[in-house]
PDB file of N, CA and C in Angstrom:
ATOM      1  N   MET A   1    -114.739 -78.035  -8.283  1.00  0.00           N
ATOM      2  CA  MET A   1    -113.331 -78.121  -8.632  1.00  0.00           C
ATOM      3  C   MET A   1    -112.594 -78.690  -7.418  1.00  0.00           C
ATOM      4  N   THR A   2    -111.768 -79.672  -7.657  1.00  0.00           N
ATOM      5  CA  THR A   2    -111.036 -80.260  -6.539  1.00  0.00           C
ATOM      6  C   THR A   2    -109.915 -79.328  -6.098  1.00  0.00           C
ATOM      7  N   ASP A   3    -109.514 -79.492  -4.845  1.00  0.00           N
ATOM      8  CA  ASP A   3    -108.458 -78.631  -4.309  1.00  0.00           C
ATOM      9  C   ASP A   3    -107.156 -78.811  -5.072  1.00  0.00           C
ATOM     10  N   ASP A   4    -106.832 -80.057  -5.434  1.00  0.00           N
ATOM     11  CA  ASP A   4    -105.595 -80.319  -6.161  1.00  0.00           C
ATOM     12  C   ASP A   4    -105.617 -79.648  -7.533  1.00  0.00           C
ATOM     13  N   ARG A   5    -106.738 -79.759  -8.222  1.00  0.00           N
ATOM     14  CA  ARG A   5    -106.856 -79.151  -9.558  1.00  0.00           C
ATOM     15  C   ARG A   5    -106.762 -77.629  -9.445  1.00  0.00           C
ATOM     16  N   GLN A   6    -107.460 -77.051  -8.479  1.00  0.00           N
ATOM     17  CA  GLN A   6    -107.421 -75.601  -8.300  1.00  0.00           C
ATOM     18  C   GLN A   6    -106.000 -75.136  -7.965  1.00  0.00           C
ATOM     19  N   GLU A   7    -105.301 -75.895  -7.148  1.00  0.00           N
ATOM     20  CA  GLU A   7    -103.920 -75.541  -6.805  1.00  0.00           C
ATOM     21  C   GLU A   7    -103.026 -75.611  -8.042  1.00  0.00           C
ATOM     22  N   ARG A   8    -103.216 -76.622  -8.874  1.00  0.00           N
ATOM     23  CA  ARG A   8    -102.440 -76.740 -10.114  1.00  0.00           C
ATOM     24  C   ARG A   8    -102.713 -75.554 -11.035  1.00  0.00           C
ATOM     25  N   ILE A   9    -103.971 -75.147 -11.124  1.00  0.00           N
ATOM     26  CA  ILE A   9    -104.336 -73.996 -11.960  1.00  0.00           C
ATOM     27  C   ILE A   9    -103.699 -72.732 -11.385  1.00  0.00           C
ATOM     28  N   ARG A  10    -103.760 -72.566 -10.057  1.00  0.00           N
ATOM     29  CA  ARG A  10    -103.188 -71.382  -9.415  1.00  0.00           C
ATOM     30  C   ARG A  10    -101.686 -71.280  -9.674  1.00  0.00           C
ATOM     31  N   VAL A  11    -100.999 -72.411  -9.506  1.00  0.00           N
ATOM     32  CA  VAL A  11     -99.546 -72.432  -9.714  1.00  0.00           C
ATOM     33  C   VAL A  11     -99.220 -72.140 -11.174  1.00  0.00           C
ATOM     34  N   ARG A  12     -99.980 -72.729 -12.097  1.00  0.00           N
ATOM     35  CA  ARG A  12     -99.739 -72.508 -13.532  1.00  0.00           C
ATOM     36  C   ARG A  12    -100.018 -71.055 -13.900  1.00  0.00           C
ATOM     37  N   ALA A  13    -101.103 -70.473 -13.390  1.00  0.00           N
ATOM     38  CA  ALA A  13    -101.427 -69.073 -13.676  1.00  0.00           C
ATOM     39  C   ALA A  13    -100.322 -68.152 -13.159  1.00  0.00           C
ATOM     40  N   HIS A  14     -99.805 -68.480 -11.987  1.00  0.00           N
ATOM     41  CA  HIS A  14     -98.708 -67.675 -11.423  1.00  0.00           C
ATOM     42  C   HIS A  14     -97.465 -67.780 -12.305  1.00  0.00           C
ATOM     43  N   GLN A  15     -97.185 -68.974 -12.803  1.00  0.00           N
ATOM     44  CA  GLN A  15     -96.021 -69.156 -13.663  1.00  0.00           C
ATOM     45  C   GLN A  15     -96.188 -68.373 -14.968  1.00  0.00           C
ATOM     46  N   ILE A  16     -97.394 -68.379 -15.535  1.00  0.00           N
ATOM     47  CA  ILE A  16     -97.665 -67.601 -16.753  1.00  0.00           C
ATOM     48  C   ILE A  16     -97.436 -66.124 -16.478  1.00  0.00           C
ATOM     49  N   TRP A  17     -97.932 -65.661 -15.336  1.00  0.00           N
ATOM     50  CA  TRP A  17     -97.766 -64.255 -14.946  1.00  0.00           C
ATOM     51  C   TRP A  17     -96.288 -63.889 -14.840  1.00  0.00           C
ATOM     52  N   LEU A  18     -95.499 -64.769 -14.210  1.00  0.00           N
ATOM     53  CA  LEU A  18     -94.065 -64.514 -14.090  1.00  0.00           C
ATOM     54  C   LEU A  18     -93.387 -64.521 -15.455  1.00  0.00           C
ATOM     55  N   ASP A  19     -93.740 -65.500 -16.295  1.00  0.00           N
ATOM     56  CA  ASP A  19     -93.138 -65.615 -17.621  1.00  0.00           C
ATOM     57  C   ASP A  19     -93.413 -64.389 -18.482  1.00  0.00           C
ATOM     58  N   GLU A  20     -94.560 -63.747 -18.266  1.00  0.00           N
ATOM     59  CA  GLU A  20     -94.939 -62.575 -19.060  1.00  0.00           C
ATOM     60  C   GLU A  20     -94.434 -61.266 -18.456  1.00  0.00           C
ATOM     61  N   GLY A  21     -93.650 -61.350 -17.408  1.00  0.00           N
ATOM     62  CA  GLY A  21     -93.077 -60.143 -16.821  1.00  0.00           C
ATOM     63  C   GLY A  21     -93.958 -59.483 -15.781  1.00  0.00           C
ATOM     64  N   GLN A  22     -94.860 -60.225 -15.178  1.00  0.00           N
ATOM     65  CA  GLN A  22     -95.717 -59.777 -14.084  1.00  0.00           C
ATOM     66  C   GLN A  22     -96.608 -58.588 -14.464  1.00  0.00           C
ATOM     67  N   PRO A  23     -97.322 -58.688 -15.605  1.00  0.00           N
ATOM     68  CA  PRO A  23     -98.183 -57.567 -16.005  1.00  0.00           C
ATOM     69  C   PRO A  23     -99.403 -57.437 -15.100  1.00  0.00           C
ATOM     70  N   ALA A  24     -99.810 -56.213 -14.868  1.00  0.00           N
ATOM     71  CA  ALA A  24    -100.999 -55.955 -14.044  1.00  0.00           C
ATOM     72  C   ALA A  24    -102.255 -56.112 -14.895  1.00  0.00           C
ATOM     73  N   GLY A  25    -103.341 -56.574 -14.259  1.00  0.00           N
ATOM     74  CA  GLY A  25    -104.637 -56.632 -14.925  1.00  0.00           C
ATOM     75  C   GLY A  25    -104.847 -57.797 -15.870  1.00  0.00           C
ATOM     76  N   GLN A  26    -103.988 -58.784 -15.851  1.00  0.00           N
ATOM     77  CA  GLN A  26    -104.112 -59.919 -16.765  1.00  0.00           C
ATOM     78  C   GLN A  26    -104.491 -61.206 -16.047  1.00  0.00           C
ATOM     79  N   HIS A  27    -104.932 -61.100 -14.792  1.00  0.00           N
ATOM     80  CA  HIS A  27    -105.168 -62.283 -13.968  1.00  0.00           C
ATOM     81  C   HIS A  27    -106.238 -63.202 -14.540  1.00  0.00           C
ATOM     82  N   GLU A  28    -107.304 -62.656 -15.118  1.00  0.00           N
ATOM     83  CA  GLU A  28    -108.356 -63.519 -15.668  1.00  0.00           C
ATOM     84  C   GLU A  28    -107.853 -64.298 -16.879  1.00  0.00           C
ATOM     85  N   ARG A  29    -107.119 -63.631 -17.745  1.00  0.00           N
ATOM     86  CA  ARG A  29    -106.569 -64.311 -18.919  1.00  0.00           C
ATOM     87  C   ARG A  29    -105.589 -65.398 -18.491  1.00  0.00           C
ATOM     88  N   HIS A  30    -104.755 -65.098 -17.497  1.00  0.00           N
ATOM     89  CA  HIS A  30    -103.801 -66.092 -17.001  1.00  0.00           C
ATOM     90  C   HIS A  30    -104.536 -67.284 -16.390  1.00  0.00           C
ATOM     91  N   TRP A  31    -105.617 -67.017 -15.644  1.00  0.00           N
ATOM     92  CA  TRP A  31    -106.378 -68.090 -15.014  1.00  0.00           C
ATOM     93  C   TRP A  31    -107.013 -68.989 -16.085  1.00  0.00           C
ATOM     94  N   HIS A  32    -107.607 -68.380 -17.109  1.00  0.00           N
ATOM     95  CA  HIS A  32    -108.243 -69.174 -18.169  1.00  0.00           C
ATOM     96  C   HIS A  32    -107.219 -69.977 -18.959  1.00  0.00           C
ATOM     97  N   GLN A  33    -106.075 -69.369 -19.222  1.00  0.00           N
ATOM     98  CA  GLN A  33    -105.017 -70.093 -19.928  1.00  0.00           C
ATOM     99  C   GLN A  33    -104.513 -71.254 -19.077  1.00  0.00           C
ATOM    100  N   ALA A  34    -104.327 -71.027 -17.797  1.00  0.00           N
ATOM    101  CA  ALA A  34    -103.873 -72.086 -16.890  1.00  0.00           C
ATOM    102  C   ALA A  34    -104.907 -73.204 -16.801  1.00  0.00           C
ATOM    103  N   THR A  35    -106.192 -72.851 -16.763  1.00  0.00           N
ATOM    104  CA  THR A  35    -107.254 -73.857 -16.730  1.00  0.00           C
ATOM    105  C   THR A  35    -107.196 -74.732 -17.973  1.00  0.00           C
ATOM    106  N   ALA A  36    -107.013 -74.117 -19.129  1.00  0.00           N
ATOM    107  CA  ALA A  36    -106.919 -74.877 -20.377  1.00  0.00           C
ATOM    108  C   ALA A  36    -105.687 -75.783 -20.360  1.00  0.00           C
ATOM    109  N   ASP A  37    -104.574 -75.278 -19.855  1.00  0.00           N
ATOM    110  CA  ASP A  37    -103.350 -76.084 -19.777  1.00  0.00           C
ATOM    111  C   ASP A  37    -103.550 -77.303 -18.873  1.00  0.00           C
ATOM    112  N   VAL A  38    -104.164 -77.099 -17.717  1.00  0.00           N
ATOM    113  CA  VAL A  38    -104.391 -78.197 -16.775  1.00  0.00           C
ATOM    114  C   VAL A  38    -105.379 -79.205 -17.376  1.00  0.00           C
ATOM    115  N   ASP A  39    -106.404 -78.712 -18.050  1.00  0.00           N
ATOM    116  CA  ASP A  39    -107.362 -79.624 -18.702  1.00  0.00           C
ATOM    117  C   ASP A  39    -106.670 -80.483 -19.759  1.00  0.00           C
ATOM    118  N   ARG A  40    -105.783 -79.887 -20.546  1.00  0.00           N
ATOM    119  CA  ARG A  40    -105.029 -80.644 -21.559  1.00  0.00           C
ATOM    120  C   ARG A  40    -104.146 -81.694 -20.898  1.00  0.00           C
ATOM    121  N   GLU A  41    -103.507 -81.326 -19.792  1.00  0.00           N
ATOM    122  CA  GLU A  41    -102.671 -82.291 -19.062  1.00  0.00           C
ATOM    123  C   GLU A  41    -103.514 -83.467 -18.572  1.00  0.00           C
ATOM    124  N   ASP A  42    -104.710 -83.163 -18.042  1.00  0.00           N
ATOM    125  CA  ASP A  42    -105.583 -84.216 -17.523  1.00  0.00           C
ATOM    126  C   ASP A  42    -106.067 -85.141 -18.646  1.00  0.00           C
ATOM    127  N   GLU A  43    -106.401 -84.569 -19.797  1.00  0.00           N
ATOM    128  CA  GLU A  43    -106.857 -85.375 -20.934  1.00  0.00           C
ATOM    129  C   GLU A  43    -105.748 -86.278 -21.453  1.00  0.00           C
ATOM    130  N   ALA A  44    -104.533 -85.759 -21.467  1.00  0.00           N
ATOM    131  CA  ALA A  44    -103.401 -86.523 -21.986  1.00  0.00           C
ATOM    132  C   ALA A  44    -102.834 -87.475 -20.939  1.00  0.00           C
ATOM    133  N   GLY A  45    -103.284 -87.337 -19.704  1.00  0.00           N
ATOM    134  CA  GLY A  45    -102.770 -88.189 -18.633  1.00  0.00           C
ATOM    135  C   GLY A  45    -101.369 -87.805 -18.203  1.00  0.00           C
ATOM    136  N   VAL A  46    -100.996 -86.577 -18.455  1.00  0.00           N
ATOM    137  CA  VAL A  46     -99.657 -86.094 -18.119  1.00  0.00           C
ATOM    138  C   VAL A  46     -99.684 -85.559 -16.696  1.00  0.00           C
ATOM    139  N   LYS A  47     -98.716 -85.963 -15.907  1.00  0.00           N
ATOM    140  CA  LYS A  47     -98.569 -85.431 -14.552  1.00  0.00           C
ATOM    141  C   LYS A  47     -97.719 -84.168 -14.637  1.00  0.00           C
ATOM    142  N   PRO A  48     -98.144 -83.092 -13.987  1.00  0.00           N
ATOM    143  CA  PRO A  48     -97.342 -81.865 -14.022  1.00  0.00           C
ATOM    144  C   PRO A  48     -96.044 -82.041 -13.252  1.00  0.00           C
ATOM    145  N   LYS A  49     -95.026 -81.352 -13.708  1.00  0.00           N
ATOM    146  CA  LYS A  49     -93.751 -81.380 -12.993  1.00  0.00           C
ATOM    147  C   LYS A  49     -93.883 -80.494 -11.775  1.00  0.00           C
ATOM    148  N   ARG A  50     -93.553 -81.033 -10.635  1.00  0.00           N
ATOM    149  CA  ARG A  50     -93.646 -80.285  -9.382  1.00  0.00           C
ATOM    150  C   ARG A  50     -92.264 -79.788  -8.994  1.00  0.00           C
ATOM    151  N   GLN A  51     -92.195 -78.531  -8.668  1.00  0.00           N
ATOM    152  CA  GLN A  51     -90.958 -77.932  -8.198  1.00  0.00           C
ATOM    153  C   GLN A  51     -91.051 -77.838  -6.685  1.00  0.00           C
ATOM    154  N   PRO A  52     -90.010 -78.204  -5.975  1.00  0.00           N
ATOM    155  CA  PRO A  52     -90.059 -78.058  -4.521  1.00  0.00           C
ATOM    156  C   PRO A  52     -90.314 -76.603  -4.161  1.00  0.00           C
ATOM    157  N   LYS A  53     -91.171 -76.375  -3.163  1.00  0.00           N
ATOM    158  CA  LYS A  53     -91.525 -75.007  -2.787  1.00  0.00           C
ATOM    159  C   LYS A  53     -90.314 -74.182  -2.377  1.00  0.00           C
ATOM    160  N   LYS A  54     -89.414 -74.788  -1.626  1.00  0.00           N
ATOM    161  CA  LYS A  54     -88.250 -74.029  -1.156  1.00  0.00           C
ATOM    162  C   LYS A  54     -87.436 -73.514  -2.326  1.00  0.00           C
ATOM    163  N   LYS A  55     -87.244 -74.335  -3.344  1.00  0.00           N
ATOM    164  CA  LYS A  55     -86.460 -73.922  -4.500  1.00  0.00           C
ATOM    165  C   LYS A  55     -87.175 -72.809  -5.261  1.00  0.00           C
ATOM    166  N   ALA A  56     -88.475 -72.929  -5.440  1.00  0.00           N
ATOM    167  CA  ALA A  56     -89.246 -71.911  -6.147  1.00  0.00           C
ATOM    168  C   ALA A  56     -89.225 -70.594  -5.387  1.00  0.00           C
ATOM    169  N   GLU A  57     -89.385 -70.658  -4.068  1.00  0.00           N
ATOM    170  CA  GLU A  57     -89.369 -69.446  -3.268  1.00  0.00           C
ATOM    171  C   GLU A  57     -87.987 -68.806  -3.277  1.00  0.00           C
ATOM    172  N   ALA A  58     -86.962 -69.618  -3.242  1.00  0.00           N
ATOM    173  CA  ALA A  58     -85.595 -69.086  -3.238  1.00  0.00           C
ATOM    174  C   ALA A  58     -85.296 -68.364  -4.545  1.00  0.00           C
ATOM    175  N   SER A  59     -85.687 -68.942  -5.667  1.00  0.00           N
ATOM    176  CA  SER A  59     -85.409 -68.302  -6.944  1.00  0.00           C
ATOM    177  C   SER A  59     -86.241 -67.033  -7.097  1.00  0.00           C
ATOM    178  N   ALA A  60     -87.460 -67.025  -6.583  1.00  0.00           N
ATOM    179  CA  ALA A  60     -88.296 -65.832  -6.642  1.00  0.00           C
ATOM    180  C   ALA A  60     -87.729 -64.734  -5.752  1.00  0.00           C
ATOM    181  N   ALA A  61     -87.183 -65.118  -4.621  1.00  0.00           N
ATOM    182  CA  ALA A  61     -86.625 -64.136  -3.697  1.00  0.00           C
ATOM    183  C   ALA A  61     -85.328 -63.545  -4.233  1.00  0.00           C
ATOM    184  N   LYS A  62     -84.558 -64.326  -4.963  1.00  0.00           N
ATOM    185  CA  LYS A  62     -83.285 -63.843  -5.481  1.00  0.00           C
ATOM    186  C   LYS A  62     -83.460 -62.939  -6.691  1.00  0.00           C
ATOM    187  N   ALA A  63     -84.486 -63.122  -7.486  1.00  0.00           N
ATOM    188  CA  ALA A  63     -84.680 -62.364  -8.708  1.00  0.00           C
ATOM    189  C   ALA A  63     -84.734 -60.859  -8.471  1.00  0.00           C
ATOM    190  N   PRO A  64     -85.552 -60.346  -7.550  1.00  0.00           N
ATOM    191  CA  PRO A  64     -85.572 -58.899  -7.348  1.00  0.00           C
ATOM    192  C   PRO A  64     -84.252 -58.361  -6.808  1.00  0.00           C
ATOM    193  N   ALA A  65     -83.551 -59.126  -6.008  1.00  0.00           N
ATOM    194  CA  ALA A  65     -82.295 -58.657  -5.437  1.00  0.00           C
ATOM    195  C   ALA A  65     -81.250 -58.443  -6.530  1.00  0.00           C
ATOM    196  N   ALA A  66     -81.286 -59.242  -7.576  1.00  0.00           N
ATOM    197  CA  ALA A  66     -80.307 -59.116  -8.644  1.00  0.00           C
ATOM    198  C   ALA A  66     -80.523 -57.838  -9.433  1.00  0.00           C
ATOM    199  N   LYS A  67     -81.745 -57.318  -9.467  1.00  0.00           N
ATOM    200  CA  LYS A  67     -82.061 -56.132 -10.248  1.00  0.00           C
ATOM    201  C   LYS A  67     -81.762 -54.837  -9.513  1.00  0.00           C
ATOM    202  N   THR A  68     -81.696 -54.864  -8.196  1.00  0.00           N
ATOM    203  CA  THR A  68     -81.483 -53.642  -7.445  1.00  0.00           C
ATOM    204  C   THR A  68     -79.999 -53.304  -7.391  1.00  0.00           C
ATOM    205  N   ALA A  69     -79.722 -52.021  -7.392  1.00  0.00           N
ATOM    206  CA  ALA A  69     -78.344 -51.561  -7.319  1.00  0.00           C
ATOM    207  C   ALA A  69     -77.850 -51.635  -5.880  1.00  0.00           C
ATOM    208  N   THR A  70     -76.558 -51.805  -5.729  1.00  0.00           N
ATOM    209  CA  THR A  70     -75.970 -51.853  -4.397  1.00  0.00           C
ATOM    210  C   THR A  70     -75.892 -50.437  -3.854  1.00  0.00           C
ATOM    211  N   LYS A  71     -76.364 -50.257  -2.627  1.00  0.00           N
ATOM    212  CA  LYS A  71     -76.332 -48.932  -2.009  1.00  0.00           C
ATOM    213  C   LYS A  71     -74.933 -48.655  -1.475  1.00  0.00           C
ATOM    214  N   ALA A  72     -74.549 -47.381  -1.554  1.00  0.00           N
ATOM    215  CA  ALA A  72     -73.269 -46.958  -0.994  1.00  0.00           C
ATOM    216  C   ALA A  72     -73.390 -46.953   0.522  1.00  0.00           C
ATOM    217  N   PRO A  73     -72.288 -47.238   1.227  1.00  0.00           N
ATOM    218  CA  PRO A  73     -72.351 -47.219   2.685  1.00  0.00           C
ATOM    219  C   PRO A  73     -72.705 -45.821   3.187  1.00  0.00           C
ATOM    220  N   ALA A  74     -73.383 -45.764   4.317  1.00  0.00           N
ATOM    221  CA  ALA A  74     -73.798 -44.487   4.892  1.00  0.00           C
ATOM    222  C   ALA A  74     -72.568 -43.677   5.310  1.00  0.00           C
ATOM    223  N   ALA A  75     -72.687 -42.369   5.165  1.00  0.00           N
ATOM    224  CA  ALA A  75     -71.592 -41.470   5.545  1.00  0.00           C
ATOM    225  C   ALA A  75     -71.423 -41.485   7.066  1.00  0.00           C
ATOM    226  N   ARG A  76     -70.185 -41.420   7.522  1.00  0.00           N
ATOM    227  CA  ARG A  76     -69.908 -41.405   8.957  1.00  0.00           C
ATOM    228  C   ARG A  76     -69.647 -39.981   9.412  1.00  0.00           C
ATOM    229  N   LYS A  77     -69.945 -39.764  10.683  1.00  0.00           N
ATOM    230  CA  LYS A  77     -69.641 -38.468  11.277  1.00  0.00           C
ATOM    231  C   LYS A  77     -68.137 -38.391  11.495  1.00  0.00           C
ATOM    232  N   PRO A  78     -67.568 -37.194  11.322  1.00  0.00           N
ATOM    233  CA  PRO A  78     -66.131 -37.064  11.571  1.00  0.00           C
ATOM    234  C   PRO A  78     -65.817 -37.277  13.060  1.00  0.00           C
ATOM    235  N   ALA A  79     -64.640 -37.768  13.305  1.00  0.00           N
ATOM    236  CA  ALA A  79     -64.221 -38.003  14.681  1.00  0.00           C
ATOM    237  C   ALA A  79     -64.000 -36.694  15.409  1.00  0.00           C
ATOM    238  N   LYS A  80     -64.243 -36.675  16.740  1.00  0.00           N
ATOM    239  CA  LYS A  80     -64.051 -35.472  17.523  1.00  0.00           C
ATOM    240  C   LYS A  80     -62.542 -35.177  17.617  1.00  0.00           C
ATOM    241  N   ALA A  81     -62.228 -33.912  17.593  1.00  0.00           N
ATOM    242  CA  ALA A  81     -60.832 -33.502  17.724  1.00  0.00           C
ATOM    243  C   ALA A  81     -60.392 -33.663  19.168  1.00  0.00           C
ATOM    244  N   LYS A  82     -59.167 -34.136  19.358  1.00  0.00           N
ATOM    245  CA  LYS A  82     -58.623 -34.298  20.706  1.00  0.00           C
ATOM    246  C   LYS A  82     -57.947 -33.015  21.140  1.00  0.00           C
ATOM    247  N   ALA A  83     -58.143 -32.642  22.377  1.00  0.00           N
ATOM    248  CA  ALA A  83     -57.555 -31.384  22.853  1.00  0.00           C
ATOM    249  C   ALA A  83     -56.260 -31.611  23.573  1.00  0.00           C
TER     250      ALA A  83
END
């Protein structure tokens, strides 16, 4: 398997995993589905759409932050009384 083909399969399998809500234990099924998708692309002569890594990483990094609740600021100690 060429490095480019394996990378395309890896990226596609990861995208399938994300699309399905990141289920645990489905990596083999995702890999086989991605392999079939890449094979179909190669047979049809279709070039896969490439997303810039920075954009993909940025959107992945922002997704979990949107789901978390905002924490309340930490409580402060009361000020010392002046004598």
